[in-house]
Protein backbone atom coordinates (compact mmCIF):
# COMPACT_ATOMS: atom_id res chain seq x y z
CA MET A 1 -108.57 -78.94 13.82
CA GLN A 2 -106.15 -76.04 14.15
CA TYR A 3 -106.18 -73.18 16.79
CA THR A 4 -104.86 -69.62 17.16
CA ARG A 5 -101.95 -68.71 19.17
CA ARG A 6 -104.17 -67.49 21.66
CA GLU A 7 -106.32 -70.16 21.58
CA LEU A 8 -104.16 -73.04 22.51
CA ALA A 9 -102.23 -70.13 25.33
CA LYS A 10 -106.47 -69.89 26.74
CA LEU A 11 -106.20 -74.16 26.84
CA ALA A 12 -102.81 -73.50 28.41
CA LEU A 13 -103.90 -71.52 31.05
CA SER A 14 -107.45 -74.15 31.79
CA VAL A 15 -105.58 -77.45 32.47
CA LEU A 16 -102.98 -76.13 35.03
CA PRO A 17 -103.38 -75.51 38.00
CA ALA A 18 -104.33 -71.82 39.72
CA SER A 19 -101.03 -72.61 41.69
CA ARG A 20 -99.31 -72.45 38.34
CA LEU A 21 -101.25 -70.67 36.11
CA LEU A 22 -99.46 -68.33 33.57
CA SER A 23 -100.10 -65.04 32.23
CA LEU A 24 -101.90 -64.36 29.06
CA ALA A 25 -98.75 -63.17 27.62
CA GLN A 26 -96.10 -66.01 28.89
CA ALA A 27 -98.64 -68.45 27.50
CA GLU A 28 -99.16 -66.48 24.07
CA ALA A 29 -95.26 -66.83 24.36
CA ALA A 30 -94.99 -69.85 24.86
CA ALA A 31 -97.56 -71.12 22.36
CA ALA A 32 -95.41 -68.48 20.08
CA GLN A 33 -92.74 -70.42 20.25
CA THR A 34 -93.88 -74.22 19.22
CA ALA A 35 -95.75 -72.02 15.57
CA ARG A 36 -92.57 -73.44 13.79
CA PRO A 37 -92.50 -72.15 9.90
CA ASN A 38 -93.91 -74.97 7.59
CA SER A 39 -93.90 -73.94 3.89
CA LYS A 40 -93.45 -77.92 2.57
CA PHE A 41 -96.21 -78.67 0.56
CA SER A 42 -96.97 -82.20 -0.39
CA GLY A 43 -93.28 -83.77 0.34
CA VAL A 44 -92.38 -80.61 -2.07
CA GLN A 45 -90.42 -78.00 -0.01
CA ILE A 46 -91.05 -74.61 -1.41
CA GLY A 47 -88.61 -71.40 -0.10
CA LEU A 48 -87.15 -68.57 -1.07
CA ASN A 49 -84.49 -66.83 -2.57
CA VAL A 50 -83.85 -63.93 0.70
CA PRO A 51 -82.52 -61.59 0.86
CA TYR A 52 -82.31 -61.05 -2.13
CA SER A 53 -86.38 -61.60 -2.25
CA PHE A 54 -86.60 -58.77 0.36
CA GLY A 55 -85.42 -55.77 -1.78
CA ASN A 56 -81.24 -55.44 0.16
CA ASN A 57 -79.04 -57.73 0.28
CA LEU A 58 -77.07 -56.48 3.02
CA LEU A 59 -80.51 -56.75 5.67
CA SER A 60 -79.04 -58.34 8.38
CA GLY A 61 -79.21 -62.24 8.44
CA ASP A 62 -82.01 -61.33 11.89
CA GLU A 63 -84.37 -59.27 9.77
CA THR A 64 -84.32 -61.59 7.16
CA LEU A 65 -85.15 -64.38 9.61
CA ASP A 66 -88.37 -62.71 10.69
CA ASN A 67 -89.22 -61.75 7.49
CA CYS A 68 -89.71 -65.89 6.74
CA VAL A 69 -91.01 -66.27 9.65
CA LYS A 70 -93.42 -64.22 8.84
CA LEU A 71 -94.23 -65.64 5.38
CA GLY A 72 -94.48 -69.36 7.26
CA ILE A 73 -91.20 -69.79 4.45
CA SER A 74 -88.87 -72.85 6.44
CA ALA A 75 -86.28 -73.56 4.26
CA VAL A 76 -84.40 -70.79 2.27
CA GLU A 77 -81.67 -69.78 -0.53
CA LEU A 78 -79.57 -67.42 1.62
CA ARG A 79 -76.86 -65.06 0.29
CA SER A 80 -73.88 -64.45 1.73
CA GLN A 81 -73.80 -61.15 2.66
CA PRO A 82 -76.23 -61.82 6.16
CA VAL A 83 -74.10 -64.42 7.08
CA GLU A 84 -70.57 -62.31 6.84
CA LEU A 85 -72.02 -59.08 8.83
CA PHE A 86 -73.15 -61.04 11.52
CA LEU A 87 -69.38 -62.13 11.69
CA GLY A 88 -68.53 -58.97 11.92
CA VAL A 89 -67.27 -58.22 8.35
CA PRO A 90 -67.14 -54.30 7.87
CA ARG A 91 -69.91 -53.35 5.84
CA ASN A 92 -67.88 -51.58 3.09
CA LEU A 93 -66.12 -54.43 2.28
CA ILE A 94 -69.03 -56.19 0.79
CA ALA A 95 -71.22 -52.73 -0.24
CA PRO A 96 -71.92 -53.51 -4.21
CA ARG A 97 -69.78 -50.69 -5.96
CA SER A 98 -72.92 -47.12 -5.84
CA GLY A 99 -71.19 -45.69 -9.16
CA LYS A 100 -71.97 -46.15 -12.95
CA GLY A 101 -69.86 -46.58 -15.75
CA PRO A 102 -66.16 -48.54 -15.58
CA PRO A 103 -64.40 -47.32 -12.34
CA THR A 104 -61.93 -44.70 -12.51
CA PRO A 105 -57.73 -45.56 -11.37
CA GLU A 106 -58.27 -44.55 -7.90
CA GLU A 107 -62.03 -46.08 -7.54
CA GLN A 108 -59.66 -49.14 -9.01
CA ALA A 109 -57.41 -49.14 -6.45
CA ALA A 110 -59.50 -48.66 -3.60
CA GLN A 111 -61.50 -51.57 -4.75
CA LYS A 112 -58.03 -53.86 -5.12
CA THR A 113 -57.19 -52.60 -1.13
CA ALA A 114 -61.01 -53.77 -0.37
CA ALA A 115 -60.84 -56.51 -1.61
CA GLU A 116 -57.38 -57.79 0.20
CA GLU A 117 -58.86 -56.88 3.52
CA LEU A 118 -61.39 -58.71 2.57
CA ARG A 119 -59.78 -61.67 1.90
CA LYS A 120 -57.66 -61.64 5.24
CA TRP A 121 -60.68 -61.29 7.19
CA ARG A 122 -62.50 -64.21 5.45
CA LEU A 123 -59.33 -66.19 6.00
CA SER A 124 -59.95 -65.28 10.50
CA VAL A 125 -63.44 -65.77 10.43
CA ALA A 126 -63.68 -68.41 13.65
CA MET A 127 -66.58 -71.66 12.27
CA ASP A 128 -68.66 -71.68 15.61
CA LYS A 129 -69.82 -68.38 15.22
CA VAL A 130 -71.24 -69.41 11.51
CA LYS A 131 -72.70 -72.11 14.07
CA GLU A 132 -74.24 -69.56 16.24
CA PHE A 133 -75.58 -68.02 13.39
CA ARG A 134 -77.08 -70.99 11.78
CA LYS A 135 -78.73 -72.82 14.99
CA LYS A 136 -80.58 -68.99 15.52
CA TYR A 137 -82.16 -69.88 11.91
CA GLU A 138 -82.24 -73.73 12.92
CA ASP A 139 -84.14 -72.72 16.37
CA ALA A 140 -86.38 -70.70 14.61
CA GLY A 141 -87.77 -73.73 11.84
CA VAL A 142 -85.85 -72.16 8.67
CA LEU A 143 -83.63 -74.11 7.15
CA ILE A 144 -80.83 -73.25 4.93
CA GLU A 145 -80.73 -75.56 2.11
CA ILE A 146 -78.30 -73.73 -0.04
CA VAL A 147 -75.67 -70.09 0.18
CA LYS A 148 -76.01 -68.06 -2.91
CA PHE A 149 -72.12 -66.38 -3.45
CA ASP A 150 -71.57 -63.55 -5.97
CA ASN A 151 -68.47 -62.93 -7.78
CA ILE A 152 -67.10 -66.47 -7.19
CA TYR A 153 -65.50 -66.40 -10.13
CA ALA A 154 -63.04 -63.57 -9.72
CA LEU A 155 -62.09 -65.50 -5.82
CA PRO A 156 -58.67 -66.54 -5.27
CA ASP A 157 -58.15 -69.79 -4.83
CA ASP A 158 -58.45 -69.88 -0.34
CA ILE A 159 -61.68 -67.50 -0.58
CA VAL A 160 -63.47 -69.96 -3.01
CA ASP A 161 -62.62 -72.98 0.11
CA TYR A 162 -63.69 -70.67 2.85
CA SER A 163 -66.49 -70.45 0.47
CA PHE A 164 -67.57 -73.92 0.63
CA GLN A 165 -66.64 -74.47 4.61
CA LEU A 166 -68.70 -70.95 5.21
CA ALA A 167 -71.59 -73.15 3.05
CA LYS A 168 -71.47 -76.30 4.97
CA THR A 169 -70.88 -75.29 8.20
CA LEU A 170 -74.01 -73.21 7.61
CA GLY A 171 -75.34 -76.82 6.82
CA ALA A 172 -76.47 -76.18 3.01
CA ARG A 173 -76.32 -78.67 0.87
CA ALA A 174 -74.97 -76.62 -2.01
CA ILE A 175 -73.97 -73.26 -2.82
CA SER A 176 -75.13 -71.56 -5.87
CA CYS A 177 -73.05 -68.79 -8.31
CA GLU A 178 -73.99 -67.45 -11.10
CA ILE A 179 -73.25 -69.12 -14.80
CA SER A 180 -69.90 -68.71 -16.90
CA PRO A 181 -69.00 -70.45 -19.38
CA ASP A 182 -65.44 -69.48 -18.59
CA GLY A 183 -65.44 -70.58 -14.54
CA THR A 184 -67.33 -73.58 -14.17
CA LYS A 185 -64.89 -75.74 -15.05
CA ARG A 186 -62.65 -74.46 -12.51
CA ILE A 187 -65.28 -74.48 -9.67
CA GLY A 188 -66.01 -77.57 -10.38
CA ARG A 189 -63.10 -78.68 -9.10
CA PHE A 190 -63.86 -76.95 -5.79
CA ALA A 191 -67.03 -78.56 -5.69
CA ASP A 192 -65.82 -82.45 -6.51
CA LYS A 193 -62.66 -81.74 -3.91
CA HIS A 194 -65.56 -80.32 -1.55
CA GLN A 195 -67.82 -83.27 -2.47
CA MET A 196 -70.66 -80.17 -3.04
CA MET A 197 -72.60 -79.45 -5.45
CA VAL A 198 -73.13 -75.94 -7.21
CA GLY A 199 -76.17 -75.44 -8.56
CA TYR A 200 -75.31 -72.67 -11.45
CA HIS A 201 -77.74 -69.80 -11.91
CA GLY A 202 -78.99 -69.64 -15.87
CA HIS A 203 -80.58 -66.76 -17.45
CA ALA A 204 -82.97 -66.37 -20.21
CA GLU A 205 -79.54 -65.72 -21.94
CA THR A 206 -78.50 -69.25 -20.85
CA THR A 207 -79.23 -72.81 -22.79
CA PRO A 208 -79.35 -76.15 -21.68
CA GLU A 209 -76.11 -76.96 -23.72
CA HIS A 210 -74.74 -74.07 -20.91
CA TRP A 211 -75.49 -76.48 -18.23
CA GLU A 212 -74.56 -79.64 -20.21
CA THR A 213 -70.90 -78.57 -20.88
CA ALA A 214 -70.62 -77.69 -16.84
CA PHE A 215 -72.35 -80.83 -16.25
CA SER A 216 -69.27 -82.70 -18.17
CA GLN A 217 -66.55 -80.72 -15.85
CA ALA A 218 -67.37 -82.60 -13.05
CA LYS A 219 -69.23 -84.14 -11.15
CA PHE A 220 -70.95 -82.23 -8.32
CA ASN A 221 -71.58 -79.56 -11.13
CA GLY A 222 -75.37 -78.77 -10.84
CA ALA A 223 -77.56 -76.65 -12.15
CA ASN A 224 -80.20 -74.10 -10.45
CA VAL A 225 -82.55 -73.31 -13.35
CA ASP A 226 -84.67 -70.04 -13.15
CA ILE A 227 -88.22 -71.41 -14.74
CA GLY A 228 -89.37 -68.23 -15.61
CA HIS A 229 -85.93 -67.02 -17.43
CA PHE A 230 -86.12 -70.73 -18.96
CA ILE A 231 -89.42 -70.25 -20.62
CA ALA A 232 -89.03 -66.44 -21.57
CA GLY A 233 -85.28 -67.53 -22.88
CA ASN A 234 -85.73 -70.37 -24.75
CA ASN A 235 -89.43 -70.74 -25.52
CA VAL A 236 -89.80 -74.23 -24.80
CA SER A 237 -90.92 -76.21 -21.04
CA PRO A 238 -88.51 -76.27 -18.64
CA VAL A 239 -89.42 -79.93 -17.76
CA GLY A 240 -88.16 -81.66 -20.54
CA PHE A 241 -85.43 -79.93 -18.71
CA ILE A 242 -86.14 -81.21 -15.35
CA GLN A 243 -86.71 -84.39 -16.51
CA LYS A 244 -83.33 -84.65 -18.15
CA HIS A 245 -80.87 -83.60 -15.61
CA HIS A 246 -83.06 -84.42 -12.36
CA ASP A 247 -79.87 -85.23 -10.40
CA ARG A 248 -77.57 -82.97 -11.14
CA ILE A 249 -80.42 -80.05 -10.74
CA THR A 250 -80.14 -78.11 -6.68
CA HIS A 251 -82.97 -76.33 -6.79
CA LEU A 252 -85.36 -73.90 -8.73
CA HIS A 253 -86.08 -70.92 -8.47
CA VAL A 254 -89.79 -70.21 -9.25
CA LYS A 255 -90.89 -66.94 -11.56
CA ASP A 256 -93.86 -65.85 -13.97
CA ARG A 257 -92.35 -64.77 -16.60
CA LYS A 258 -93.87 -64.54 -20.74
CA LEU A 259 -92.35 -65.98 -23.52
CA ASN A 260 -90.26 -64.11 -26.05
CA LYS A 261 -87.74 -62.33 -23.47
CA GLY A 262 -91.25 -60.87 -22.10
CA PRO A 263 -91.56 -59.27 -18.22
CA ASN A 264 -91.86 -61.06 -15.05
CA VAL A 265 -95.30 -61.32 -14.13
CA PRO A 266 -97.60 -62.39 -10.83
CA PHE A 267 -97.69 -65.94 -10.41
CA GLY A 268 -100.26 -67.43 -12.74
CA GLN A 269 -100.50 -64.49 -14.96
CA GLY A 270 -97.37 -65.67 -16.87
CA ASP A 271 -95.83 -68.48 -19.45
CA THR A 272 -94.34 -70.14 -17.04
CA PRO A 273 -95.83 -73.81 -16.27
CA ILE A 274 -95.13 -73.65 -12.63
CA LYS A 275 -98.32 -76.23 -11.72
CA GLU A 276 -97.06 -78.31 -13.64
CA VAL A 277 -93.02 -78.06 -12.04
CA LEU A 278 -94.41 -78.42 -9.11
CA GLN A 279 -96.41 -81.52 -9.81
CA LEU A 280 -93.94 -82.71 -11.33
CA LEU A 281 -91.18 -82.84 -8.41
CA LYS A 282 -94.19 -84.46 -6.43
CA ALA A 283 -95.25 -86.73 -8.37
CA ASN A 284 -91.27 -87.65 -8.75
CA ARG A 285 -90.24 -86.61 -4.82
CA TRP A 286 -87.41 -85.84 -6.24
CA ASN A 287 -84.79 -83.29 -3.75
CA ILE A 288 -85.47 -80.19 -5.49
CA GLU A 289 -86.76 -77.54 -4.10
CA GLY A 290 -88.65 -75.26 -5.55
CA THR A 291 -87.06 -71.46 -4.40
CA ILE A 292 -89.21 -68.34 -4.87
CA GLU A 293 -87.05 -64.92 -6.47
CA PHE A 294 -89.58 -62.03 -6.66
CA GLU A 295 -89.05 -60.02 -8.79
CA TYR A 296 -91.88 -58.81 -10.45
CA PRO A 297 -93.03 -54.84 -10.22
CA ILE A 298 -95.34 -55.14 -6.88
CA PRO A 299 -98.41 -53.42 -7.79
CA GLU A 300 -99.98 -50.47 -6.16
CA GLY A 301 -101.91 -50.41 -3.36
CA SER A 302 -100.05 -53.15 -1.95
CA ASP A 303 -96.71 -54.22 -0.32
CA ARG A 304 -93.96 -56.68 -0.80
CA MET A 305 -94.58 -58.97 2.08
CA THR A 306 -98.14 -59.28 0.53
CA GLU A 307 -96.63 -60.41 -3.49
CA ILE A 308 -93.99 -62.46 -1.29
CA ALA A 309 -97.59 -64.31 0.19
CA LYS A 310 -100.02 -64.30 -2.63
CA CYS A 311 -96.41 -66.57 -3.98
CA VAL A 312 -96.02 -68.95 -1.69
CA LYS A 313 -99.95 -69.39 -1.18
CA TYR A 314 -99.54 -69.87 -5.39
CA CYS A 315 -97.41 -72.87 -4.52
CA GLN A 316 -99.08 -74.60 -2.14
CA GLN A 317 -102.48 -74.38 -4.28
CA ALA A 318 -100.60 -75.72 -7.34
CA LEU A 319 -99.26 -78.67 -5.47
CA ALA A 320 -102.66 -79.49 -3.62
């Protein structure tokens, strides 16, 4: 039998001696702390790409965590930005460029200066504070499974090393980044050095051969297969690729898209075999997280959190 937090609090009050009774508010707070999120369904970990799915990669770590707990999410693929903001990076050094079109010579000079400032800052980071960030998430019941790094191919070697160290200190089992035919060999050398998987994220233009080339370049080169993009770009189910290369897949991005590079749509309205893929993970007990990546347009009258909650529920029911 399941109890609400208020019911748990009342039960706690009923069994304590009168001299030790807590107030109802205190008991509710204690019960709330024990109500940890759990999005592992039938042995399959369902996660969320954050804070990207919340629509803002510069959302603070605390706001990101609070949203995850509200949604019952117990594992995440976390972008590096909230972590570095918590560590004290100047916001302007990691904010995306706002202008359109190619940068002017002045903007290029400013970007170069900012990149060097960011490099110096990263090399000065104390990993003890990173552990503090990790503890905050783990105490709330949310595991940082994957850490996503943007523009990793442009980073100098010492900062690529920093990226792996940051992810390890956060407790992640892999890092992720976009796939680049020109960059996976280099990043793969760092993956092998740190003995930590890299999940290369593909889009509709990514073919199985792109990942297989990366696999051949380094032992710890892996795949972050976006099953929506896969079916939209390749017009074939991702199930065969997942079965063949499951030992190289760090995590999946779960979304629903239409064939022939069709749009993102609410779960269950597209051509992506979400249920079949999740059932495949369940049947084989592979350590592959199904990471929801929220991208479809928010329907009129709804909001982002409501729609993400629907996605989580869809995955839970698919694994029943």
